Amino acid sequence: MRKIKKITDFGRISWIEALERAVLAMNLSFYRAIGTSPYILRFGTSYMTQVDSEFASQVDQATKNERLAKRDKIFCKYKKSIVKGTRDIKDNFSVGESTYIYKKPQKGKFK
């Protein structure tokens, strides 16, 4: 929604005129979780503007399977970076089993 506000110059331009530009801006934005833009993931090629076609810019081409494999690999790496540092805690102790109890040091009034 912020992109539409920015593209419409905060209400000075009609949002209907700017909607196509806003959708294109969203589709071409890089998304860290999928490692590419939604446009490239869906169509398998970079967006070609009129300037690109006139100057014969190089376009990244990849098959759908390659793109999906790359997305899965990047997403796994992304999930690991988020979940980093979590540990499983054993909570099913049997009777008589030795355990350690950690208590945080008291702060403030109850010290």
PDB file of N, CA and C in Angstrom:
ATOM      1  N   MET A   1       0.818  -1.185   0.000  1.00  0.00           N
ATOM      2  CA  MET A   1       0.000   0.000   0.000  1.00  0.00           C
ATOM      3  C   MET A   1       0.872   1.262   0.000  1.00  0.00           C
ATOM      4  N   ARG A   2       2.017   1.200   0.704  1.00  0.00           N
ATOM      5  CA  ARG A   2       2.902   2.361   0.727  1.00  0.00           C
ATOM      6  C   ARG A   2       3.461   2.661  -0.652  1.00  0.00           C
ATOM      7  N   LYS A   3       3.692   1.588  -1.448  1.00  0.00           N
ATOM      8  CA  LYS A   3       4.225   1.816  -2.797  1.00  0.00           C
ATOM      9  C   LYS A   3       3.209   2.556  -3.656  1.00  0.00           C
ATOM     10  N   ILE A   4       1.931   2.214  -3.510  1.00  0.00           N
ATOM     11  CA  ILE A   4       0.899   2.915  -4.281  1.00  0.00           C
ATOM     12  C   ILE A   4       0.857   4.382  -3.866  1.00  0.00           C
ATOM     13  N   LYS A   5       0.950   4.652  -2.560  1.00  0.00           N
ATOM     14  CA  LYS A   5       0.955   6.044  -2.099  1.00  0.00           C
ATOM     15  C   LYS A   5       2.140   6.800  -2.683  1.00  0.00           C
ATOM     16  N   LYS A   6       3.301   6.153  -2.679  1.00  0.00           N
ATOM     17  CA  LYS A   6       4.509   6.810  -3.193  1.00  0.00           C
ATOM     18  C   LYS A   6       4.401   7.043  -4.702  1.00  0.00           C
ATOM     19  N   ILE A   7       3.939   6.024  -5.449  1.00  0.00           N
ATOM     20  CA  ILE A   7       3.845   6.149  -6.907  1.00  0.00           C
ATOM     21  C   ILE A   7       2.797   7.188  -7.305  1.00  0.00           C
ATOM     22  N   THR A   8       1.721   7.287  -6.542  1.00  0.00           N
ATOM     23  CA  THR A   8       0.696   8.292  -6.847  1.00  0.00           C
ATOM     24  C   THR A   8       1.069   9.665  -6.303  1.00  0.00           C
ATOM     25  N   ASP A   9       2.304   9.779  -5.814  1.00  0.00           N
ATOM     26  CA  ASP A   9       2.802  11.040  -5.255  1.00  0.00           C
ATOM     27  C   ASP A   9       1.878  11.511  -4.134  1.00  0.00           C
ATOM     28  N   PHE A  10       1.509  10.563  -3.276  1.00  0.00           N
ATOM     29  CA  PHE A  10       0.679  10.805  -2.100  1.00  0.00           C
ATOM     30  C   PHE A  10      -0.629  11.512  -2.441  1.00  0.00           C
ATOM     31  N   GLY A  11      -1.309  10.985  -3.461  1.00  0.00           N
ATOM     32  CA  GLY A  11      -2.640  11.452  -3.807  1.00  0.00           C
ATOM     33  C   GLY A  11      -2.708  12.495  -4.902  1.00  0.00           C
ATOM     34  N   ARG A  12      -1.589  12.963  -5.407  1.00  0.00           N
ATOM     35  CA  ARG A  12      -1.614  13.985  -6.464  1.00  0.00           C
ATOM     36  C   ARG A  12      -1.960  13.388  -7.821  1.00  0.00           C
ATOM     37  N   ILE A  13      -1.634  12.104  -8.020  1.00  0.00           N
ATOM     38  CA  ILE A  13      -1.954  11.401  -9.266  1.00  0.00           C
ATOM     39  C   ILE A  13      -3.035  10.375  -8.937  1.00  0.00           C
ATOM     40  N   SER A  14      -3.946  10.137  -9.861  1.00  0.00           N
ATOM     41  CA  SER A  14      -5.005   9.158  -9.645  1.00  0.00           C
ATOM     42  C   SER A  14      -4.400   7.771  -9.436  1.00  0.00           C
ATOM     43  N   TRP A  15      -4.887   7.045  -8.418  1.00  0.00           N
ATOM     44  CA  TRP A  15      -4.313   5.730  -8.126  1.00  0.00           C
ATOM     45  C   TRP A  15      -4.617   4.735  -9.235  1.00  0.00           C
ATOM     46  N   ILE A  16      -5.692   4.949  -9.983  1.00  0.00           N
ATOM     47  CA  ILE A  16      -6.024   4.051 -11.092  1.00  0.00           C
ATOM     48  C   ILE A  16      -4.945   4.134 -12.169  1.00  0.00           C
ATOM     49  N   GLU A  17      -4.449   5.350 -12.427  1.00  0.00           N
ATOM     50  CA  GLU A  17      -3.377   5.510 -13.413  1.00  0.00           C
ATOM     51  C   GLU A  17      -2.073   4.888 -12.923  1.00  0.00           C
ATOM     52  N   ALA A  18      -1.846   4.937 -11.626  1.00  0.00           N
ATOM     53  CA  ALA A  18      -0.577   4.456 -11.073  1.00  0.00           C
ATOM     54  C   ALA A  18      -0.616   2.990 -10.650  1.00  0.00           C
ATOM     55  N   LEU A  19      -1.778   2.353 -10.714  1.00  0.00           N
ATOM     56  CA  LEU A  19      -1.901   0.981 -10.230  1.00  0.00           C
ATOM     57  C   LEU A  19      -1.012   0.010 -10.999  1.00  0.00           C
ATOM     58  N   GLU A  20      -0.960   0.148 -12.314  1.00  0.00           N
ATOM     59  CA  GLU A  20      -0.122  -0.742 -13.122  1.00  0.00           C
ATOM     60  C   GLU A  20       1.347  -0.599 -12.734  1.00  0.00           C
ATOM     61  N   ARG A  21       1.785   0.633 -12.522  1.00  0.00           N
ATOM     62  CA  ARG A  21       3.179   0.852 -12.105  1.00  0.00           C
ATOM     63  C   ARG A  21       3.433   0.269 -10.716  1.00  0.00           C
ATOM     64  N   ALA A  22       2.446   0.361  -9.829  1.00  0.00           N
ATOM     65  CA  ALA A  22       2.607  -0.174  -8.475  1.00  0.00           C
ATOM     66  C   ALA A  22       2.694  -1.697  -8.489  1.00  0.00           C
ATOM     67  N   VAL A  23       1.847  -2.339  -9.284  1.00  0.00           N
ATOM     68  CA  VAL A  23       1.884  -3.800  -9.393  1.00  0.00           C
ATOM     69  C   VAL A  23       3.210  -4.247  -9.989  1.00  0.00           C
ATOM     70  N   LEU A  24       3.679  -3.553 -11.003  1.00  0.00           N
ATOM     71  CA  LEU A  24       4.966  -3.877 -11.608  1.00  0.00           C
ATOM     72  C   LEU A  24       6.099  -3.706 -10.595  1.00  0.00           C
ATOM     73  N   ALA A  25       6.042  -2.641  -9.802  1.00  0.00           N
ATOM     74  CA  ALA A  25       7.068  -2.416  -8.776  1.00  0.00           C
ATOM     75  C   ALA A  25       7.074  -3.547  -7.754  1.00  0.00           C
ATOM     76  N   MET A  26       5.902  -4.019  -7.356  1.00  0.00           N
ATOM     77  CA  MET A  26       5.825  -5.136  -6.407  1.00  0.00           C
ATOM     78  C   MET A  26       6.368  -6.414  -7.022  1.00  0.00           C
ATOM     79  N   ASN A  27       6.019  -6.672  -8.277  1.00  0.00           N
ATOM     80  CA  ASN A  27       6.456  -7.903  -8.937  1.00  0.00           C
ATOM     81  C   ASN A  27       7.953  -7.924  -9.208  1.00  0.00           C
ATOM     82  N   LEU A  28       8.560  -6.762  -9.393  1.00  0.00           N
ATOM     83  CA  LEU A  28       9.986  -6.715  -9.695  1.00  0.00           C
ATOM     84  C   LEU A  28      10.851  -6.573  -8.448  1.00  0.00           C
ATOM     85  N   SER A  29      10.237  -6.354  -7.290  1.00  0.00           N
ATOM     86  CA  SER A  29      10.999  -6.228  -6.049  1.00  0.00           C
ATOM     87  C   SER A  29      11.608  -7.570  -5.671  1.00  0.00           C
ATOM     88  N   PHE A  30      12.808  -7.532  -5.107  1.00  0.00           N
ATOM     89  CA  PHE A  30      13.495  -8.750  -4.676  1.00  0.00           C
ATOM     90  C   PHE A  30      12.904  -9.201  -3.348  1.00  0.00           C
ATOM     91  N   TYR A  31      12.541 -10.476  -3.272  1.00  0.00           N
ATOM     92  CA  TYR A  31      12.025 -11.049  -2.040  1.00  0.00           C
ATOM     93  C   TYR A  31      13.053 -12.033  -1.496  1.00  0.00           C
ATOM     94  N   ARG A  32      13.502 -11.800  -0.261  1.00  0.00           N
ATOM     95  CA  ARG A  32      14.565 -12.611   0.324  1.00  0.00           C
ATOM     96  C   ARG A  32      14.148 -14.075   0.489  1.00  0.00           C
ATOM     97  N   ALA A  33      12.902 -14.327   0.836  1.00  0.00           N
ATOM     98  CA  ALA A  33      12.457 -15.695   1.100  1.00  0.00           C
ATOM     99  C   ALA A  33      12.492 -16.578  -0.142  1.00  0.00           C
ATOM    100  N   ILE A  34      12.230 -16.017  -1.316  1.00  0.00           N
ATOM    101  CA  ILE A  34      12.250 -16.825  -2.540  1.00  0.00           C
ATOM    102  C   ILE A  34      13.504 -16.585  -3.355  1.00  0.00           C
ATOM    103  N   GLY A  35      14.306 -15.607  -2.967  1.00  0.00           N
ATOM    104  CA  GLY A  35      15.584 -15.357  -3.620  1.00  0.00           C
ATOM    105  C   GLY A  35      15.494 -14.717  -4.984  1.00  0.00           C
ATOM    106  N   THR A  36      14.361 -14.180  -5.329  1.00  0.00           N
ATOM    107  CA  THR A  36      14.173 -13.540  -6.628  1.00  0.00           C
ATOM    108  C   THR A  36      12.925 -12.668  -6.557  1.00  0.00           C
ATOM    109  N   SER A  37      12.542 -12.107  -7.676  1.00  0.00           N
ATOM    110  CA  SER A  37      11.290 -11.349  -7.700  1.00  0.00           C
ATOM    111  C   SER A  37      10.157 -12.282  -8.124  1.00  0.00           C
ATOM    112  N   PRO A  38       8.918 -11.981  -7.730  1.00  0.00           N
ATOM    113  CA  PRO A  38       7.794 -12.814  -8.145  1.00  0.00           C
ATOM    114  C   PRO A  38       7.643 -12.904  -9.664  1.00  0.00           C
ATOM    115  N   TYR A  39       7.981 -11.842 -10.383  1.00  0.00           N
ATOM    116  CA  TYR A  39       7.867 -11.849 -11.843  1.00  0.00           C
ATOM    117  C   TYR A  39       8.812 -12.885 -12.446  1.00  0.00           C
ATOM    118  N   ILE A  40      10.062 -12.879 -11.992  1.00  0.00           N
ATOM    119  CA  ILE A  40      11.042 -13.833 -12.527  1.00  0.00           C
ATOM    120  C   ILE A  40      10.665 -15.251 -12.141  1.00  0.00           C
ATOM    121  N   LEU A  41      10.174 -15.456 -10.910  1.00  0.00           N
ATOM    122  CA  LEU A  41       9.778 -16.794 -10.483  1.00  0.00           C
ATOM    123  C   LEU A  41       8.622 -17.315 -11.327  1.00  0.00           C
ATOM    124  N   ARG A  42       7.678 -16.454 -11.651  1.00  0.00           N
ATOM    125  CA  ARG A  42       6.499 -16.895 -12.403  1.00  0.00           C
ATOM    126  C   ARG A  42       6.785 -17.090 -13.887  1.00  0.00           C
ATOM    127  N   PHE A  43       7.456 -16.133 -14.508  1.00  0.00           N
ATOM    128  CA  PHE A  43       7.632 -16.172 -15.956  1.00  0.00           C
ATOM    129  C   PHE A  43       8.993 -16.683 -16.400  1.00  0.00           C
ATOM    130  N   GLY A  44       9.946 -16.790 -15.500  1.00  0.00           N
ATOM    131  CA  GLY A  44      11.252 -17.348 -15.838  1.00  0.00           C
ATOM    132  C   GLY A  44      12.179 -16.418 -16.574  1.00  0.00           C
ATOM    133  N   THR A  45      11.848 -15.173 -16.634  1.00  0.00           N
ATOM    134  CA  THR A  45      12.688 -14.209 -17.328  1.00  0.00           C
ATOM    135  C   THR A  45      12.543 -12.847 -16.662  1.00  0.00           C
ATOM    136  N   SER A  46      13.534 -12.010 -16.837  1.00  0.00           N
ATOM    137  CA  SER A  46      13.447 -10.652 -16.310  1.00  0.00           C
ATOM    138  C   SER A  46      12.455  -9.846 -17.136  1.00  0.00           C
ATOM    139  N   TYR A  47      11.909  -8.817 -16.544  1.00  0.00           N
ATOM    140  CA  TYR A  47      10.982  -7.939 -17.247  1.00  0.00           C
ATOM    141  C   TYR A  47      11.751  -7.123 -18.281  1.00  0.00           C
ATOM    142  N   MET A  48      11.268  -7.108 -19.510  1.00  0.00           N
ATOM    143  CA  MET A  48      11.927  -6.364 -20.594  1.00  0.00           C
ATOM    144  C   MET A  48      11.170  -5.071 -20.859  1.00  0.00           C
ATOM    145  N   THR A  49      11.840  -3.968 -20.648  1.00  0.00           N
ATOM    146  CA  THR A  49      11.247  -2.679 -20.983  1.00  0.00           C
ATOM    147  C   THR A  49      11.604  -2.337 -22.426  1.00  0.00           C
ATOM    148  N   GLN A  50      11.036  -1.258 -22.925  1.00  0.00           N
ATOM    149  CA  GLN A  50      11.325  -0.835 -24.292  1.00  0.00           C
ATOM    150  C   GLN A  50      12.800  -0.458 -24.431  1.00  0.00           C
ATOM    151  N   VAL A  51      13.362   0.141 -23.401  1.00  0.00           N
ATOM    152  CA  VAL A  51      14.778   0.520 -23.425  1.00  0.00           C
ATOM    153  C   VAL A  51      15.660  -0.729 -23.482  1.00  0.00           C
ATOM    154  N   ASP A  52      15.296  -1.772 -22.720  1.00  0.00           N
ATOM    155  CA  ASP A  52      16.069  -3.019 -22.742  1.00  0.00           C
ATOM    156  C   ASP A  52      16.083  -3.634 -24.130  1.00  0.00           C
ATOM    157  N   SER A  53      14.927  -3.641 -24.783  1.00  0.00           N
ATOM    158  CA  SER A  53      14.868  -4.253 -26.114  1.00  0.00           C
ATOM    159  C   SER A  53      15.638  -3.430 -27.150  1.00  0.00           C
ATOM    160  N   GLU A  54      15.653  -2.116 -26.993  1.00  0.00           N
ATOM    161  CA  GLU A  54      16.393  -1.267 -27.933  1.00  0.00           C
ATOM    162  C   GLU A  54      17.902  -1.445 -27.794  1.00  0.00           C
ATOM    163  N   PHE A  55      18.368  -1.606 -26.563  1.00  0.00           N
ATOM    164  CA  PHE A  55      19.803  -1.741 -26.335  1.00  0.00           C
ATOM    165  C   PHE A  55      20.248  -3.195 -26.197  1.00  0.00           C
ATOM    166  N   ALA A  56      19.359  -4.125 -26.444  1.00  0.00           N
ATOM    167  CA  ALA A  56      19.646  -5.568 -26.425  1.00  0.00           C
ATOM    168  C   ALA A  56      20.323  -5.999 -25.132  1.00  0.00           C
ATOM    169  N   SER A  57      19.696  -5.685 -24.007  1.00  0.00           N
ATOM    170  CA  SER A  57      20.229  -6.092 -22.710  1.00  0.00           C
ATOM    171  C   SER A  57      20.122  -7.601 -22.541  1.00  0.00           C
ATOM    172  N   GLN A  58      21.034  -8.159 -21.752  1.00  0.00           N
ATOM    173  CA  GLN A  58      21.010  -9.592 -21.469  1.00  0.00           C
ATOM    174  C   GLN A  58      19.902  -9.889 -20.465  1.00  0.00           C
ATOM    175  N   VAL A  59      19.140 -10.946 -20.737  1.00  0.00           N
ATOM    176  CA  VAL A  59      18.048 -11.347 -19.862  1.00  0.00           C
ATOM    177  C   VAL A  59      18.384 -12.704 -19.269  1.00  0.00           C
ATOM    178  N   ASP A  60      18.166 -12.828 -17.958  1.00  0.00           N
ATOM    179  CA  ASP A  60      18.437 -14.081 -17.266  1.00  0.00           C
ATOM    180  C   ASP A  60      17.362 -15.104 -17.628  1.00  0.00           C
ATOM    181  N   GLN A  61      17.761 -16.224 -18.218  1.00  0.00           N
ATOM    182  CA  GLN A  61      16.832 -17.283 -18.603  1.00  0.00           C
ATOM    183  C   GLN A  61      17.085 -18.512 -17.736  1.00  0.00           C
ATOM    184  N   ALA A  62      16.033 -19.140 -17.245  1.00  0.00           N
ATOM    185  CA  ALA A  62      16.158 -20.362 -16.453  1.00  0.00           C
ATOM    186  C   ALA A  62      14.871 -21.161 -16.609  1.00  0.00           C
ATOM    187  N   THR A  63      14.988 -22.489 -16.499  1.00  0.00           N
ATOM    188  CA  THR A  63      13.792 -23.323 -16.595  1.00  0.00           C
ATOM    189  C   THR A  63      13.017 -23.238 -15.289  1.00  0.00           C
ATOM    190  N   LYS A  64      11.767 -23.664 -15.355  1.00  0.00           N
ATOM    191  CA  LYS A  64      10.919 -23.593 -14.165  1.00  0.00           C
ATOM    192  C   LYS A  64      11.475 -24.466 -13.047  1.00  0.00           C
ATOM    193  N   ASN A  65      11.957 -25.666 -13.389  1.00  0.00           N
ATOM    194  CA  ASN A  65      12.509 -26.560 -12.370  1.00  0.00           C
ATOM    195  C   ASN A  65      13.743 -25.955 -11.706  1.00  0.00           C
ATOM    196  N   GLU A  66      14.595 -25.307 -12.487  1.00  0.00           N
ATOM    197  CA  GLU A  66      15.781 -24.653 -11.919  1.00  0.00           C
ATOM    198  C   GLU A  66      15.374 -23.537 -10.967  1.00  0.00           C
ATOM    199  N   ARG A  67      14.375 -22.758 -11.360  1.00  0.00           N
ATOM    200  CA  ARG A  67      13.919 -21.658 -10.511  1.00  0.00           C
ATOM    201  C   ARG A  67      13.313 -22.170  -9.214  1.00  0.00           C
ATOM    202  N   LEU A  68      12.502 -23.243  -9.309  1.00  0.00           N
ATOM    203  CA  LEU A  68      11.881 -23.793  -8.106  1.00  0.00           C
ATOM    204  C   LEU A  68      12.921 -24.421  -7.184  1.00  0.00           C
ATOM    205  N   ALA A  69      13.909 -25.098  -7.760  1.00  0.00           N
ATOM    206  CA  ALA A  69      14.977 -25.688  -6.943  1.00  0.00           C
ATOM    207  C   ALA A  69      15.773 -24.599  -6.238  1.00  0.00           C
ATOM    208  N   LYS A  70      16.066 -23.530  -6.956  1.00  0.00           N
ATOM    209  CA  LYS A  70      16.800 -22.410  -6.358  1.00  0.00           C
ATOM    210  C   LYS A  70      15.970 -21.771  -5.250  1.00  0.00           C
ATOM    211  N   ARG A  71      14.670 -21.612  -5.492  1.00  0.00           N
ATOM    212  CA  ARG A  71      13.793 -21.026  -4.478  1.00  0.00           C
ATOM    213  C   ARG A  71      13.767 -21.886  -3.218  1.00  0.00           C
ATOM    214  N   ASP A  72      13.636 -23.216  -3.387  1.00  0.00           N
ATOM    215  CA  ASP A  72      13.600 -24.112  -2.236  1.00  0.00           C
ATOM    216  C   ASP A  72      14.902 -24.063  -1.446  1.00  0.00           C
ATOM    217  N   LYS A  73      16.021 -24.031  -2.154  1.00  0.00           N
ATOM    218  CA  LYS A  73      17.330 -23.971  -1.501  1.00  0.00           C
ATOM    219  C   LYS A  73      17.476 -22.675  -0.704  1.00  0.00           C
ATOM    220  N   ILE A  74      17.093 -21.561  -1.303  1.00  0.00           N
ATOM    221  CA  ILE A  74      17.205 -20.269  -0.630  1.00  0.00           C
ATOM    222  C   ILE A  74      16.231 -20.189   0.538  1.00  0.00           C
ATOM    223  N   PHE A  75      15.028 -20.762   0.374  1.00  0.00           N
ATOM    224  CA  PHE A  75      14.047 -20.712   1.453  1.00  0.00           C
ATOM    225  C   PHE A  75      14.508 -21.532   2.654  1.00  0.00           C
ATOM    226  N   CYS A  76      15.152 -22.685   2.408  1.00  0.00           N
ATOM    227  CA  CYS A  76      15.694 -23.488   3.515  1.00  0.00           C
ATOM    228  C   CYS A  76      16.752 -22.691   4.272  1.00  0.00           C
ATOM    229  N   LYS A  77      17.620 -22.022   3.536  1.00  0.00           N
ATOM    230  CA  LYS A  77      18.660 -21.193   4.157  1.00  0.00           C
ATOM    231  C   LYS A  77      18.018 -20.047   4.944  1.00  0.00           C
ATOM    232  N   TYR A  78      16.974 -19.464   4.386  1.00  0.00           N
ATOM    233  CA  TYR A  78      16.250 -18.373   5.041  1.00  0.00           C
ATOM    234  C   TYR A  78      15.617 -18.850   6.347  1.00  0.00           C
ATOM    235  N   LYS A  79      14.974 -20.029   6.327  1.00  0.00           N
ATOM    236  CA  LYS A  79      14.356 -20.576   7.528  1.00  0.00           C
ATOM    237  C   LYS A  79      15.395 -20.862   8.602  1.00  0.00           C
ATOM    238  N   LYS A  80      16.563 -21.391   8.193  1.00  0.00           N
ATOM    239  CA  LYS A  80      17.622 -21.671   9.164  1.00  0.00           C
ATOM    240  C   LYS A  80      18.104 -20.391   9.824  1.00  0.00           C
ATOM    241  N   SER A  81      18.173 -19.305   9.067  1.00  0.00           N
ATOM    242  CA  SER A  81      18.636 -18.043   9.650  1.00  0.00           C
ATOM    243  C   SER A  81      17.628 -17.499  10.657  1.00  0.00           C
ATOM    244  N   ILE A  82      16.354 -17.813  10.475  1.00  0.00           N
ATOM    245  CA  ILE A  82      15.328 -17.348  11.406  1.00  0.00           C
ATOM    246  C   ILE A  82      15.280 -18.236  12.647  1.00  0.00           C
ATOM    247  N   VAL A  83      15.389 -19.550  12.451  1.00  0.00           N
ATOM    248  CA  VAL A  83      15.224 -20.515  13.529  1.00  0.00           C
ATOM    249  C   VAL A  83      16.526 -20.726  14.295  1.00  0.00           C
ATOM    250  N   LYS A  84      17.591 -20.069  13.886  1.00  0.00           N
ATOM    251  CA  LYS A  84      18.899 -20.263  14.494  1.00  0.00           C
ATOM    252  C   LYS A  84      18.828 -20.090  16.008  1.00  0.00           C
ATOM    253  N   GLY A  85      19.418 -21.041  16.729  1.00  0.00           N
ATOM    254  CA  GLY A  85      19.523 -20.915  18.171  1.00  0.00           C
ATOM    255  C   GLY A  85      18.405 -21.563  18.960  1.00  0.00           C
ATOM    256  N   THR A  86      17.427 -22.171  18.335  1.00  0.00           N
ATOM    257  CA  THR A  86      16.372 -22.835  19.095  1.00  0.00           C
ATOM    258  C   THR A  86      16.831 -24.232  19.480  1.00  0.00           C
ATOM    259  N   ARG A  87      16.340 -24.701  20.612  1.00  0.00           N
ATOM    260  CA  ARG A  87      16.711 -26.031  21.097  1.00  0.00           C
ATOM    261  C   ARG A  87      15.468 -26.763  21.553  1.00  0.00           C
ATOM    262  N   ASP A  88      15.503 -28.084  21.416  1.00  0.00           N
ATOM    263  CA  ASP A  88      14.420 -28.907  21.943  1.00  0.00           C
ATOM    264  C   ASP A  88      14.666 -29.143  23.427  1.00  0.00           C
ATOM    265  N   ILE A  89      13.636 -29.034  24.224  1.00  0.00           N
ATOM    266  CA  ILE A  89      13.749 -29.239  25.661  1.00  0.00           C
ATOM    267  C   ILE A  89      13.011 -30.518  26.022  1.00  0.00           C
ATOM    268  N   LYS A  90      13.711 -31.386  26.721  1.00  0.00           N
ATOM    269  CA  LYS A  90      13.105 -32.641  27.148  1.00  0.00           C
ATOM    270  C   LYS A  90      12.138 -32.333  28.284  1.00  0.00           C
ATOM    271  N   ASP A  91      10.896 -32.748  28.132  1.00  0.00           N
ATOM    272  CA  ASP A  91       9.917 -32.467  29.178  1.00  0.00           C
ATOM    273  C   ASP A  91       9.220 -33.725  29.696  1.00  0.00           C
ATOM    274  N   ASN A  92       9.722 -34.884  29.330  1.00  0.00           N
ATOM    275  CA  ASN A  92       9.110 -36.129  29.801  1.00  0.00           C
ATOM    276  C   ASN A  92      10.129 -36.883  30.665  1.00  0.00           C
ATOM    277  N   PHE A  93      10.229 -36.464  31.927  1.00  0.00           N
ATOM    278  CA  PHE A  93      11.162 -37.084  32.858  1.00  0.00           C
ATOM    279  C   PHE A  93      10.476 -38.231  33.579  1.00  0.00           C
ATOM    280  N   SER A  94      11.262 -39.241  33.921  1.00  0.00           N
ATOM    281  CA  SER A  94      10.715 -40.349  34.704  1.00  0.00           C
ATOM    282  C   SER A  94      10.957 -40.073  36.189  1.00  0.00           C
ATOM    283  N   VAL A  95      10.193 -40.733  37.049  1.00  0.00           N
ATOM    284  CA  VAL A  95      10.284 -40.532  38.491  1.00  0.00           C
ATOM    285  C   VAL A  95      11.660 -40.973  38.972  1.00  0.00           C
ATOM    286  N   GLY A  96      12.313 -40.146  39.774  1.00  0.00           N
ATOM    287  CA  GLY A  96      13.619 -40.467  40.323  1.00  0.00           C
ATOM    288  C   GLY A  96      14.783 -40.049  39.449  1.00  0.00           C
ATOM    289  N   GLU A  97      14.519 -39.511  38.276  1.00  0.00           N
ATOM    290  CA  GLU A  97      15.589 -39.087  37.372  1.00  0.00           C
ATOM    291  C   GLU A  97      16.184 -37.769  37.867  1.00  0.00           C
ATOM    292  N   SER A  98      17.516 -37.677  37.832  1.00  0.00           N
ATOM    293  CA  SER A  98      18.192 -36.460  38.287  1.00  0.00           C
ATOM    294  C   SER A  98      18.051 -35.366  37.233  1.00  0.00           C
ATOM    295  N   THR A  99      17.712 -34.178  37.695  1.00  0.00           N
ATOM    296  CA  THR A  99      17.590 -33.037  36.789  1.00  0.00           C
ATOM    297  C   THR A  99      18.218 -31.814  37.430  1.00  0.00           C
ATOM    298  N   TYR A 100      18.534 -30.825  36.624  1.00  0.00           N
ATOM    299  CA  TYR A 100      19.033 -29.548  37.108  1.00  0.00           C
ATOM    300  C   TYR A 100      17.951 -28.505  36.910  1.00  0.00           C
ATOM    301  N   ILE A 101      17.803 -27.645  37.884  1.00  0.00           N
ATOM    302  CA  ILE A 101      16.841 -26.558  37.778  1.00  0.00           C
ATOM    303  C   ILE A 101      17.625 -25.257  37.774  1.00  0.00           C
ATOM    304  N   TYR A 102      17.415 -24.453  36.773  1.00  0.00           N
ATOM    305  CA  TYR A 102      18.094 -23.163  36.660  1.00  0.00           C
ATOM    306  C   TYR A 102      17.119 -22.068  37.051  1.00  0.00           C
ATOM    307  N   LYS A 103      17.543 -21.254  37.977  1.00  0.00           N
ATOM    308  CA  LYS A 103      16.726 -20.107  38.376  1.00  0.00           C
ATOM    309  C   LYS A 103      17.495 -18.848  38.036  1.00  0.00           C
ATOM    310  N   LYS A 104      16.835 -17.928  37.387  1.00  0.00           N
ATOM    311  CA  LYS A 104      17.469 -16.659  37.046  1.00  0.00           C
ATOM    312  C   LYS A 104      17.727 -15.865  38.325  1.00  0.00           C
ATOM    313  N   PRO A 105      18.828 -15.132  38.350  1.00  0.00           N
ATOM    314  CA  PRO A 105      19.093 -14.287  39.527  1.00  0.00           C
ATOM    315  C   PRO A 105      17.991 -13.245  39.699  1.00  0.00           C
ATOM    316  N   GLN A 106      17.613 -13.011  40.936  1.00  0.00           N
ATOM    317  CA  GLN A 106      16.561 -12.032  41.223  1.00  0.00           C
ATOM    318  C   GLN A 106      17.094 -10.623  41.015  1.00  0.00           C
ATOM    319  N   LYS A 107      16.262  -9.786  40.467  1.00  0.00           N
ATOM    320  CA  LYS A 107      16.628  -8.387  40.268  1.00  0.00           C
ATOM    321  C   LYS A 107      15.611  -7.514  40.984  1.00  0.00           C
ATOM    322  N   GLY A 108      16.069  -6.371  41.388  1.00  0.00           N
ATOM    323  CA  GLY A 108      15.146  -5.389  41.936  1.00  0.00           C
ATOM    324  C   GLY A 108      14.795  -5.625  43.391  1.00  0.00           C
ATOM    325  N   LYS A 109      13.518  -5.518  43.711  1.00  0.00           N
ATOM    326  CA  LYS A 109      13.013  -5.495  45.071  1.00  0.00           C
ATOM    327  C   LYS A 109      13.236  -6.808  45.824  1.00  0.00           C
ATOM    328  N   PHE A 110      13.139  -7.937  45.156  1.00  0.00           N
ATOM    329  CA  PHE A 110      13.194  -9.231  45.826  1.00  0.00           C
ATOM    330  C   PHE A 110      14.586  -9.834  45.848  1.00  0.00           C
ATOM    331  N   LYS A 111      15.607  -9.057  45.714  1.00  0.00           N
ATOM    332  CA  LYS A 111      16.991  -9.523  45.650  1.00  0.00           C
ATOM    333  C   LYS A 111      17.439 -10.194  46.912  1.00  0.00           C
TER     334      LYS A 111
END
